[in-house]
C-alpha atoms as a PDB file:
ATOM      1  CA  UNK A   1      27.387 -17.717  17.556  1.00  0.00           C
ATOM      2  CA  UNK A   2      28.103 -14.803  15.211  1.00  0.00           C
ATOM      3  CA  UNK A   3      25.744 -16.262  12.625  1.00  0.00           C
ATOM      4  CA  UNK A   4      23.020 -16.423  15.249  1.00  0.00           C
ATOM      5  CA  UNK A   5      23.598 -12.793  16.246  1.00  0.00           C
ATOM      6  CA  UNK A   6      23.531 -11.691  12.608  1.00  0.00           C
ATOM      7  CA  UNK A   7      20.339 -13.668  12.003  1.00  0.00           C
ATOM      8  CA  UNK A   8      18.697 -12.102  15.064  1.00  0.00           C
ATOM      9  CA  UNK A   9      19.789  -8.671  13.869  1.00  0.00           C
ATOM     10  CA  UNK A  10      18.274  -9.216  10.447  1.00  0.00           C
ATOM     11  CA  UNK A  11      15.020 -10.475  11.982  1.00  0.00           C
ATOM     12  CA  UNK A  12      14.936  -7.481  14.310  1.00  0.00           C
ATOM     13  CA  UNK A  13      15.365  -5.035  11.414  1.00  0.00           C
ATOM     14  CA  UNK A  14      12.665  -6.766   9.368  1.00  0.00           C
ATOM     15  CA  UNK A  15      10.261  -6.821  12.304  1.00  0.00           C
ATOM     16  CA  UNK A  16      10.871  -3.160  13.080  1.00  0.00           C
ATOM     17  CA  UNK A  17      10.260  -2.289   9.437  1.00  0.00           C
ATOM     18  CA  UNK A  18       6.896  -4.037   9.469  1.00  0.00           C
ATOM     19  CA  UNK A  19       5.847  -2.423  12.731  1.00  0.00           C
ATOM     20  CA  UNK A  20       6.953   0.995  11.476  1.00  0.00           C
ATOM     21  CA  UNK A  21       5.060   0.525   8.203  1.00  0.00           C
ATOM     22  CA  UNK A  22       1.908  -0.359  10.120  1.00  0.00           C
ATOM     23  CA  UNK A  23       2.322   2.643  12.413  1.00  0.00           C
ATOM     24  CA  UNK A  24       2.757   4.918   9.392  1.00  0.00           C
ATOM     25  CA  UNK A  25      -0.522   3.836   7.808  1.00  0.00           C
ATOM     26  CA  UNK A  26      -2.737   6.916   7.613  1.00  0.00           C
ATOM     27  CA  UNK A  27      -6.332   6.064   6.813  1.00  0.00           C
ATOM     28  CA  UNK A  28      -7.338   9.666   6.096  1.00  0.00           C
ATOM     29  CA  UNK A  29      -4.535  10.022   3.541  1.00  0.00           C
ATOM     30  CA  UNK A  30      -5.657   6.791   1.925  1.00  0.00           C
ATOM     31  CA  UNK A  31      -9.220   8.097   1.641  1.00  0.00           C
ATOM     32  CA  UNK A  32      -7.958  11.315   0.060  1.00  0.00           C
ATOM     33  CA  UNK A  33      -5.882   9.296  -2.384  1.00  0.00           C
ATOM     34  CA  UNK A  34      -8.877   7.155  -3.349  1.00  0.00           C
ATOM     35  CA  UNK A  35     -10.986  10.270  -3.859  1.00  0.00           C
ATOM     36  CA  UNK A  36      -8.328  11.907  -6.027  1.00  0.00           C
ATOM     37  CA  UNK A  37      -7.647   8.723  -7.950  1.00  0.00           C
ATOM     38  CA  UNK A  38     -11.330   8.135  -8.675  1.00  0.00           C
ATOM     39  CA  UNK A  39     -11.628  11.624 -10.163  1.00  0.00           C
ATOM     40  CA  UNK A  40      -8.401  11.199 -12.131  1.00  0.00           C
ATOM     41  CA  UNK A  41      -9.640   7.824 -13.323  1.00  0.00           C
ATOM     42  CA  UNK A  42     -12.710   9.431 -14.831  1.00  0.00           C
ATOM     43  CA  UNK A  43     -10.494  11.952 -16.616  1.00  0.00           C
ATOM     44  CA  UNK A  44      -8.266   9.192 -17.980  1.00  0.00           C
ATOM     45  CA  UNK A  45     -11.305   7.342 -19.243  1.00  0.00           C
ATOM     46  CA  UNK A  46     -12.706  10.491 -20.878  1.00  0.00           C
ATOM     47  CA  UNK A  47      -9.347  10.978 -22.619  1.00  0.00           C
ATOM     48  CA  UNK A  48      -9.355   7.294 -23.637  1.00  0.00           C
ATOM     49  CA  UNK A  49      -5.894   6.884 -22.137  1.00  0.00           C
ATOM     50  CA  UNK A  50      -5.773   3.107 -21.923  1.00  0.00           C
ATOM     51  CA  UNK A  51      -2.464   2.699 -20.093  1.00  0.00           C
ATOM     52  CA  UNK A  52      -3.103   5.413 -17.497  1.00  0.00           C
ATOM     53  CA  UNK A  53      -6.651   4.183 -16.881  1.00  0.00           C
ATOM     54  CA  UNK A  54      -5.577   0.589 -16.346  1.00  0.00           C
ATOM     55  CA  UNK A  55      -2.704   1.602 -14.066  1.00  0.00           C
ATOM     56  CA  UNK A  56      -4.934   3.847 -11.964  1.00  0.00           C
ATOM     57  CA  UNK A  57      -7.753   1.291 -11.766  1.00  0.00           C
ATOM     58  CA  UNK A  58      -5.241  -1.257 -10.473  1.00  0.00           C
ATOM     59  CA  UNK A  59      -3.949   1.284  -7.959  1.00  0.00           C
ATOM     60  CA  UNK A  60      -7.510   1.859  -6.777  1.00  0.00           C
ATOM     61  CA  UNK A  61      -7.917  -1.905  -6.366  1.00  0.00           C
ATOM     62  CA  UNK A  62      -4.836  -1.933  -4.148  1.00  0.00           C
ATOM     63  CA  UNK A  63      -6.109   1.023  -2.146  1.00  0.00           C
ATOM     64  CA  UNK A  64      -9.449  -0.657  -1.509  1.00  0.00           C
ATOM     65  CA  UNK A  65      -7.564  -3.766  -0.415  1.00  0.00           C
ATOM     66  CA  UNK A  66      -5.970  -1.588   2.293  1.00  0.00           C
ATOM     67  CA  UNK A  67      -9.420  -0.242   3.209  1.00  0.00           C
ATOM     68  CA  UNK A  68     -10.685  -3.809   3.475  1.00  0.00           C
ATOM     69  CA  UNK A  69      -7.826  -4.710   5.816  1.00  0.00           C
ATOM     70  CA  UNK A  70      -8.367  -1.574   7.905  1.00  0.00           C
ATOM     71  CA  UNK A  71     -12.030  -2.376   8.524  1.00  0.00           C
ATOM     72  CA  UNK A  72     -11.348  -6.092   9.046  1.00  0.00           C
ATOM     73  CA  UNK A  73      -8.929  -5.180  11.849  1.00  0.00           C
ATOM     74  CA  UNK A  74     -11.418  -2.713  13.257  1.00  0.00           C
ATOM     75  CA  UNK A  75     -13.852  -5.582  13.676  1.00  0.00           C
ATOM     76  CA  UNK A  76     -17.181  -3.773  13.810  1.00  0.00           C
ATOM     77  CA  UNK A  77     -17.651  -2.841  10.165  1.00  0.00           C
ATOM     78  CA  UNK A  78     -18.565  -5.915   8.138  1.00  0.00           C
ATOM     79  CA  UNK A  79     -20.481  -3.723   5.695  1.00  0.00           C
ATOM     80  CA  UNK A  80     -17.376  -1.609   5.033  1.00  0.00           C
ATOM     81  CA  UNK A  81     -15.351  -4.768   4.362  1.00  0.00           C
ATOM     82  CA  UNK A  82     -18.007  -5.956   1.924  1.00  0.00           C
ATOM     83  CA  UNK A  83     -18.091  -2.566   0.217  1.00  0.00           C
ATOM     84  CA  UNK A  84     -14.299  -2.442  -0.103  1.00  0.00           C
ATOM     85  CA  UNK A  85     -14.361  -5.836  -1.813  1.00  0.00           C
ATOM     86  CA  UNK A  86     -17.137  -4.641  -4.119  1.00  0.00           C
ATOM     87  CA  UNK A  87     -15.099  -1.588  -5.128  1.00  0.00           C
ATOM     88  CA  UNK A  88     -12.083  -3.778  -5.829  1.00  0.00           C
ATOM     89  CA  UNK A  89     -14.248  -5.856  -8.149  1.00  0.00           C
ATOM     90  CA  UNK A  90     -15.616  -2.739  -9.810  1.00  0.00           C
ATOM     91  CA  UNK A  91     -12.091  -1.434 -10.437  1.00  0.00           C
ATOM     92  CA  UNK A  92     -11.215  -4.804 -11.969  1.00  0.00           C
ATOM     93  CA  UNK A  93     -14.251  -4.461 -14.250  1.00  0.00           C
ATOM     94  CA  UNK A  94     -12.971  -1.069 -15.386  1.00  0.00           C
ATOM     95  CA  UNK A  95      -9.708  -2.705 -16.419  1.00  0.00           C
ATOM     96  CA  UNK A  96     -11.625  -5.310 -18.437  1.00  0.00           C
ATOM     97  CA  UNK A  97     -13.816  -2.676 -20.094  1.00  0.00           C
ATOM     98  CA  UNK A  98     -10.818  -0.566 -21.080  1.00  0.00           C
ATOM     99  CA  UNK A  99      -8.932  -3.595 -22.392  1.00  0.00           C
ATOM    100  CA  UNK A 100     -12.006  -4.283 -24.550  1.00  0.00           C
ATOM    101  CA  UNK A 101     -11.968  -0.618 -25.681  1.00  0.00           C
ATOM    102  CA  UNK A 102     -15.371  -0.054 -24.024  1.00  0.00           C
ATOM    103  CA  UNK A 103     -14.740   3.343 -22.480  1.00  0.00           C
ATOM    104  CA  UNK A 104     -18.434   4.110 -22.020  1.00  0.00           C
ATOM    105  CA  UNK A 105     -18.949   1.128 -19.720  1.00  0.00           C
ATOM    106  CA  UNK A 106     -15.680   1.937 -17.945  1.00  0.00           C
ATOM    107  CA  UNK A 107     -16.889   5.489 -17.381  1.00  0.00           C
ATOM    108  CA  UNK A 108     -20.212   4.299 -15.996  1.00  0.00           C
ATOM    109  CA  UNK A 109     -18.420   1.940 -13.622  1.00  0.00           C
ATOM    110  CA  UNK A 110     -16.021   4.669 -12.469  1.00  0.00           C
ATOM    111  CA  UNK A 111     -18.951   6.979 -11.738  1.00  0.00           C
ATOM    112  CA  UNK A 112     -20.663   4.137  -9.891  1.00  0.00           C
ATOM    113  CA  UNK A 113     -17.592   3.683  -7.664  1.00  0.00           C
ATOM    114  CA  UNK A 114     -17.502   7.387  -6.823  1.00  0.00           C
ATOM    115  CA  UNK A 115     -21.210   7.609  -6.023  1.00  0.00           C
ATOM    116  CA  UNK A 116     -21.342   4.366  -4.042  1.00  0.00           C
ATOM    117  CA  UNK A 117     -18.220   5.187  -2.075  1.00  0.00           C
ATOM    118  CA  UNK A 118     -19.527   8.622  -1.121  1.00  0.00           C
ATOM    119  CA  UNK A 119     -22.851   7.307   0.126  1.00  0.00           C
ATOM    120  CA  UNK A 120     -21.680   4.107   1.789  1.00  0.00           C
ATOM    121  CA  UNK A 121     -18.791   4.360   4.229  1.00  0.00           C
ATOM    122  CA  UNK A 122     -18.602   8.139   4.304  1.00  0.00           C
ATOM    123  CA  UNK A 123     -22.094   8.467   5.737  1.00  0.00           C
ATOM    124  CA  UNK A 124     -21.513   5.768   8.335  1.00  0.00           C
ATOM    125  CA  UNK A 125     -17.822   5.924   9.240  1.00  0.00           C
ATOM    126  CA  UNK A 126     -16.669   9.505   8.730  1.00  0.00           C
ATOM    127  CA  UNK A 127     -15.273  11.017  10.810  1.00  0.00           C
ATOM    128  CA  UNK A 128     -13.484   7.951  12.112  1.00  0.00           C
END
């Protein structure tokens, strides 16, 4: 019986943690982070900082994965889901360009993300 109570307690704590994490998700903060990271990414590329660029591009991929999930749950924004996937792919391309020491192509792709992001969802979905 004690094992069952302990197991239920552990499950309760894990469930509460997941619910709390979901409740703490702040979409506006995520958008600000993406905006800041995309500008910082361009700076890292200009400085030819391979490690920082790759790390930040991967972080941007993760952030756009959260955006994708947000709009999937919302249910009325298929275009935003598609765009979020596109930006994830573009961030992955930046990683490949930097790994190949092609900083010019990486820079062009980073600029493309910034421009596309500003004109896509922002025009349609902001303010949420």
